[in-house]
Amino acid sequence: MIKSFVEKLGWINVLMLVTVLSIIVVAEVLFFSGRKLDAIFIGFWAPTILGFMNYLKINQ
């Protein structure tokens, strides 16, 4: 199942999605530990990376 998912998306896209998920987890940990401004700053990286992925996909 995972192998077919990776073959369908490609290694780079899967790596970027894992990065985005880890950024979301880090932002949540920061938020719940009381560092809310840091969490918001880090949390904005995830949609930025996803937008960049879409931009690259459209321009291929």
PDB file of N, CA and C in Angstrom:
ATOM      1  N   MET A   1       0.815  -1.183   0.000  1.00  0.00           N
ATOM      2  CA  MET A   1       0.000   0.000   0.000  1.00  0.00           C
ATOM      3  C   MET A   1       0.864   1.254   0.000  1.00  0.00           C
ATOM      4  N   ILE A   2       1.828   1.312   0.879  1.00  0.00           N
ATOM      5  CA  ILE A   2       2.701   2.480   0.936  1.00  0.00           C
ATOM      6  C   ILE A   2       3.558   2.565  -0.320  1.00  0.00           C
ATOM      7  N   LYS A   3       4.008   1.409  -0.800  1.00  0.00           N
ATOM      8  CA  LYS A   3       4.842   1.385  -1.998  1.00  0.00           C
ATOM      9  C   LYS A   3       4.090   1.942  -3.209  1.00  0.00           C
ATOM     10  N   SER A   4       2.825   1.575  -3.363  1.00  0.00           N
ATOM     11  CA  SER A   4       2.048   2.093  -4.488  1.00  0.00           C
ATOM     12  C   SER A   4       1.787   3.590  -4.331  1.00  0.00           C
ATOM     13  N   PHE A   5       1.605   4.043  -3.093  1.00  0.00           N
ATOM     14  CA  PHE A   5       1.418   5.472  -2.829  1.00  0.00           C
ATOM     15  C   PHE A   5       2.665   6.261  -3.215  1.00  0.00           C
ATOM     16  N   VAL A   6       3.836   5.739  -2.854  1.00  0.00           N
ATOM     17  CA  VAL A   6       5.096   6.410  -3.184  1.00  0.00           C
ATOM     18  C   VAL A   6       5.327   6.396  -4.691  1.00  0.00           C
ATOM     19  N   GLU A   7       5.021   5.287  -5.339  1.00  0.00           N
ATOM     20  CA  GLU A   7       5.195   5.220  -6.793  1.00  0.00           C
ATOM     21  C   GLU A   7       4.260   6.183  -7.514  1.00  0.00           C
ATOM     22  N   LYS A   8       3.069   6.345  -6.984  1.00  0.00           N
ATOM     23  CA  LYS A   8       2.094   7.239  -7.610  1.00  0.00           C
ATOM     24  C   LYS A   8       2.503   8.706  -7.463  1.00  0.00           C
ATOM     25  N   LEU A   9       2.968   9.098  -6.284  1.00  0.00           N
ATOM     26  CA  LEU A   9       3.321  10.492  -6.036  1.00  0.00           C
ATOM     27  C   LEU A   9       4.766  10.829  -6.377  1.00  0.00           C
ATOM     28  N   GLY A  10       5.655   9.912  -6.152  1.00  0.00           N
ATOM     29  CA  GLY A  10       7.077  10.165  -6.333  1.00  0.00           C
ATOM     30  C   GLY A  10       7.734  10.419  -4.980  1.00  0.00           C
ATOM     31  N   TRP A  11       9.008  10.107  -4.915  1.00  0.00           N
ATOM     32  CA  TRP A  11       9.747  10.217  -3.652  1.00  0.00           C
ATOM     33  C   TRP A  11       9.827  11.643  -3.132  1.00  0.00           C
ATOM     34  N   ILE A  12      10.041  12.593  -4.018  1.00  0.00           N
ATOM     35  CA  ILE A  12      10.190  13.985  -3.587  1.00  0.00           C
ATOM     36  C   ILE A  12       8.887  14.496  -2.968  1.00  0.00           C
ATOM     37  N   ASN A  13       7.765  14.210  -3.606  1.00  0.00           N
ATOM     38  CA  ASN A  13       6.479  14.657  -3.059  1.00  0.00           C
ATOM     39  C   ASN A  13       6.166  14.006  -1.721  1.00  0.00           C
ATOM     40  N   VAL A  14       6.477  12.731  -1.588  1.00  0.00           N
ATOM     41  CA  VAL A  14       6.251  12.050  -0.315  1.00  0.00           C
ATOM     42  C   VAL A  14       7.143  12.657   0.761  1.00  0.00           C
ATOM     43  N   LEU A  15       8.379  12.947   0.429  1.00  0.00           N
ATOM     44  CA  LEU A  15       9.289  13.578   1.388  1.00  0.00           C
ATOM     45  C   LEU A  15       8.772  14.951   1.810  1.00  0.00           C
ATOM     46  N   MET A  16       8.261  15.715   0.867  1.00  0.00           N
ATOM     47  CA  MET A  16       7.720  17.032   1.197  1.00  0.00           C
ATOM     48  C   MET A  16       6.468  16.902   2.073  1.00  0.00           C
ATOM     49  N   LEU A  17       5.614  15.926   1.806  1.00  0.00           N
ATOM     50  CA  LEU A  17       4.433  15.730   2.635  1.00  0.00           C
ATOM     51  C   LEU A  17       4.790  15.306   4.056  1.00  0.00           C
ATOM     52  N   VAL A  18       5.803  14.473   4.194  1.00  0.00           N
ATOM     53  CA  VAL A  18       6.270  14.078   5.529  1.00  0.00           C
ATOM     54  C   VAL A  18       6.834  15.300   6.250  1.00  0.00           C
ATOM     55  N   THR A  19       7.542  16.153   5.525  1.00  0.00           N
ATOM     56  CA  THR A  19       8.070  17.385   6.111  1.00  0.00           C
ATOM     57  C   THR A  19       6.939  18.280   6.591  1.00  0.00           C
ATOM     58  N   VAL A  20       5.904  18.422   5.778  1.00  0.00           N
ATOM     59  CA  VAL A  20       4.758  19.247   6.150  1.00  0.00           C
ATOM     60  C   VAL A  20       4.074  18.689   7.397  1.00  0.00           C
ATOM     61  N   LEU A  21       3.896  17.382   7.445  1.00  0.00           N
ATOM     62  CA  LEU A  21       3.275  16.776   8.627  1.00  0.00           C
ATOM     63  C   LEU A  21       4.120  16.985   9.879  1.00  0.00           C
ATOM     64  N   SER A  22       5.431  16.888   9.746  1.00  0.00           N
ATOM     65  CA  SER A  22       6.296  17.118  10.906  1.00  0.00           C
ATOM     66  C   SER A  22       6.259  18.580  11.342  1.00  0.00           C
ATOM     67  N   ILE A  23       6.149  19.507  10.399  1.00  0.00           N
ATOM     68  CA  ILE A  23       6.030  20.925  10.743  1.00  0.00           C
ATOM     69  C   ILE A  23       4.745  21.167  11.527  1.00  0.00           C
ATOM     70  N   ILE A  24       3.653  20.531  11.116  1.00  0.00           N
ATOM     71  CA  ILE A  24       2.390  20.689  11.823  1.00  0.00           C
ATOM     72  C   ILE A  24       2.494  20.152  13.243  1.00  0.00           C
ATOM     73  N   VAL A  25       3.145  19.015  13.406  1.00  0.00           N
ATOM     74  CA  VAL A  25       3.317  18.432  14.743  1.00  0.00           C
ATOM     75  C   VAL A  25       4.160  19.347  15.621  1.00  0.00           C
ATOM     76  N   VAL A  26       5.246  19.883  15.081  1.00  0.00           N
ATOM     77  CA  VAL A  26       6.101  20.788  15.852  1.00  0.00           C
ATOM     78  C   VAL A  26       5.337  22.043  16.247  1.00  0.00           C
ATOM     79  N   ALA A  27       4.532  22.581  15.336  1.00  0.00           N
ATOM     80  CA  ALA A  27       3.743  23.768  15.643  1.00  0.00           C
ATOM     81  C   ALA A  27       2.740  23.483  16.762  1.00  0.00           C
ATOM     82  N   GLU A  28       2.111  22.322  16.721  1.00  0.00           N
ATOM     83  CA  GLU A  28       1.159  21.964  17.776  1.00  0.00           C
ATOM     84  C   GLU A  28       1.856  21.816  19.125  1.00  0.00           C
ATOM     85  N   VAL A  29       3.020  21.189  19.136  1.00  0.00           N
ATOM     86  CA  VAL A  29       3.760  21.022  20.389  1.00  0.00           C
ATOM     87  C   VAL A  29       4.140  22.388  20.950  1.00  0.00           C
ATOM     88  N   LEU A  30       4.607  23.285  20.093  1.00  0.00           N
ATOM     89  CA  LEU A  30       4.957  24.627  20.556  1.00  0.00           C
ATOM     90  C   LEU A  30       3.733  25.364  21.081  1.00  0.00           C
ATOM     91  N   PHE A  31       2.619  25.227  20.391  1.00  0.00           N
ATOM     92  CA  PHE A  31       1.401  25.922  20.808  1.00  0.00           C
ATOM     93  C   PHE A  31       0.951  25.473  22.190  1.00  0.00           C
ATOM     94  N   PHE A  32       0.919  24.156  22.394  1.00  0.00           N
ATOM     95  CA  PHE A  32       0.443  23.642  23.672  1.00  0.00           C
ATOM     96  C   PHE A  32       1.462  23.780  24.791  1.00  0.00           C
ATOM     97  N   SER A  33       2.715  24.090  24.450  1.00  0.00           N
ATOM     98  CA  SER A  33       3.704  24.341  25.496  1.00  0.00           C
ATOM     99  C   SER A  33       3.755  25.813  25.889  1.00  0.00           C
ATOM    100  N   GLY A  34       2.912  26.636  25.251  1.00  0.00           N
ATOM    101  CA  GLY A  34       2.820  28.035  25.647  1.00  0.00           C
ATOM    102  C   GLY A  34       3.542  29.008  24.732  1.00  0.00           C
ATOM    103  N   ARG A  35       4.265  28.530  23.766  1.00  0.00           N
ATOM    104  CA  ARG A  35       5.003  29.409  22.841  1.00  0.00           C
ATOM    105  C   ARG A  35       4.138  29.639  21.601  1.00  0.00           C
ATOM    106  N   LYS A  36       3.072  30.394  21.774  1.00  0.00           N
ATOM    107  CA  LYS A  36       2.042  30.523  20.739  1.00  0.00           C
ATOM    108  C   LYS A  36       2.529  31.280  19.513  1.00  0.00           C
ATOM    109  N   LEU A  37       3.297  32.339  19.684  1.00  0.00           N
ATOM    110  CA  LEU A  37       3.777  33.085  18.523  1.00  0.00           C
ATOM    111  C   LEU A  37       4.760  32.269  17.690  1.00  0.00           C
ATOM    112  N   ASP A  38       5.604  31.509  18.363  1.00  0.00           N
ATOM    113  CA  ASP A  38       6.516  30.623  17.635  1.00  0.00           C
ATOM    114  C   ASP A  38       5.742  29.557  16.863  1.00  0.00           C
ATOM    115  N   ALA A  39       4.681  29.048  17.476  1.00  0.00           N
ATOM    116  CA  ALA A  39       3.858  28.021  16.823  1.00  0.00           C
ATOM    117  C   ALA A  39       3.164  28.578  15.585  1.00  0.00           C
ATOM    118  N   ILE A  40       2.668  29.799  15.678  1.00  0.00           N
ATOM    119  CA  ILE A  40       2.012  30.409  14.526  1.00  0.00           C
ATOM    120  C   ILE A  40       3.020  30.622  13.402  1.00  0.00           C
ATOM    121  N   PHE A  41       4.211  31.100  13.755  1.00  0.00           N
ATOM    122  CA  PHE A  41       5.259  31.326  12.751  1.00  0.00           C
ATOM    123  C   PHE A  41       5.630  30.023  12.053  1.00  0.00           C
ATOM    124  N   ILE A  42       5.852  28.980  12.823  1.00  0.00           N
ATOM    125  CA  ILE A  42       6.218  27.680  12.250  1.00  0.00           C
ATOM    126  C   ILE A  42       5.035  27.096  11.475  1.00  0.00           C
ATOM    127  N   GLY A  43       3.824  27.288  11.980  1.00  0.00           N
ATOM    128  CA  GLY A  43       2.637  26.734  11.341  1.00  0.00           C
ATOM    129  C   GLY A  43       2.386  27.280   9.953  1.00  0.00           C
ATOM    130  N   PHE A  44       2.830  28.499   9.682  1.00  0.00           N
ATOM    131  CA  PHE A  44       2.651  29.073   8.348  1.00  0.00           C
ATOM    132  C   PHE A  44       3.564  28.437   7.305  1.00  0.00           C
ATOM    133  N   TRP A  45       4.568  27.703   7.720  1.00  0.00           N
ATOM    134  CA  TRP A  45       5.461  27.061   6.763  1.00  0.00           C
ATOM    135  C   TRP A  45       4.755  25.960   5.991  1.00  0.00           C
ATOM    136  N   ALA A  46       3.858  25.220   6.645  1.00  0.00           N
ATOM    137  CA  ALA A  46       3.196  24.078   5.997  1.00  0.00           C
ATOM    138  C   ALA A  46       2.398  24.493   4.757  1.00  0.00           C
ATOM    139  N   PRO A  47       1.512  25.486   4.832  1.00  0.00           N
ATOM    140  CA  PRO A  47       0.793  25.855   3.612  1.00  0.00           C
ATOM    141  C   PRO A  47       1.698  26.488   2.563  1.00  0.00           C
ATOM    142  N   THR A  48       2.775  27.125   3.003  1.00  0.00           N
ATOM    143  CA  THR A  48       3.722  27.691   2.049  1.00  0.00           C
ATOM    144  C   THR A  48       4.397  26.590   1.245  1.00  0.00           C
ATOM    145  N   ILE A  49       4.816  25.527   1.917  1.00  0.00           N
ATOM    146  CA  ILE A  49       5.462  24.404   1.226  1.00  0.00           C
ATOM    147  C   ILE A  49       4.462  23.711   0.303  1.00  0.00           C
ATOM    148  N   LEU A  50       3.229  23.531   0.765  1.00  0.00           N
ATOM    149  CA  LEU A  50       2.210  22.902  -0.081  1.00  0.00           C
ATOM    150  C   LEU A  50       1.913  23.759  -1.311  1.00  0.00           C
ATOM    151  N   GLY A  51       1.868  25.067  -1.141  1.00  0.00           N
ATOM    152  CA  GLY A  51       1.667  25.958  -2.280  1.00  0.00           C
ATOM    153  C   GLY A  51       2.814  25.889  -3.263  1.00  0.00           C
ATOM    154  N   PHE A  52       4.040  25.796  -2.754  1.00  0.00           N
ATOM    155  CA  PHE A  52       5.206  25.662  -3.613  1.00  0.00           C
ATOM    156  C   PHE A  52       5.166  24.341  -4.377  1.00  0.00           C
ATOM    157  N   MET A  53       4.704  23.274  -3.715  1.00  0.00           N
ATOM    158  CA  MET A  53       4.568  21.986  -4.390  1.00  0.00           C
ATOM    159  C   MET A  53       3.560  22.084  -5.533  1.00  0.00           C
ATOM    160  N   ASN A  54       2.431  22.760  -5.292  1.00  0.00           N
ATOM    161  CA  ASN A  54       1.444  22.940  -6.352  1.00  0.00           C
ATOM    162  C   ASN A  54       1.991  23.760  -7.507  1.00  0.00           C
ATOM    163  N   TYR A  55       2.726  24.790  -7.183  1.00  0.00           N
ATOM    164  CA  TYR A  55       3.340  25.635  -8.222  1.00  0.00           C
ATOM    165  C   TYR A  55       4.288  24.807  -9.109  1.00  0.00           C
ATOM    166  N   LEU A  56       5.115  23.984  -8.485  1.00  0.00           N
ATOM    167  CA  LEU A  56       6.038  23.154  -9.245  1.00  0.00           C
ATOM    168  C   LEU A  56       5.294  22.120 -10.090  1.00  0.00           C
ATOM    169  N   LYS A  57       4.209  21.574  -9.551  1.00  0.00           N
ATOM    170  CA  LYS A  57       3.435  20.566 -10.284  1.00  0.00           C
ATOM    171  C   LYS A  57       2.761  21.182 -11.516  1.00  0.00           C
ATOM    172  N   ILE A  58       2.255  22.396 -11.373  1.00  0.00           N
ATOM    173  CA  ILE A  58       1.589  23.059 -12.492  1.00  0.00           C
ATOM    174  C   ILE A  58       2.585  23.420 -13.603  1.00  0.00           C
ATOM    175  N   ASN A  59       3.777  23.805 -13.223  1.00  0.00           N
ATOM    176  CA  ASN A  59       4.768  24.281 -14.194  1.00  0.00           C
ATOM    177  C   ASN A  59       5.651  23.179 -14.771  1.00  0.00           C
ATOM    178  N   GLN A  60       5.297  21.922 -14.560  1.00  0.00           N
ATOM    179  CA  GLN A  60       6.108  20.832 -15.129  1.00  0.00           C
ATOM    180  C   GLN A  60       5.814  20.646 -16.581  1.00  0.00           C
TER     181      GLN A  60
END
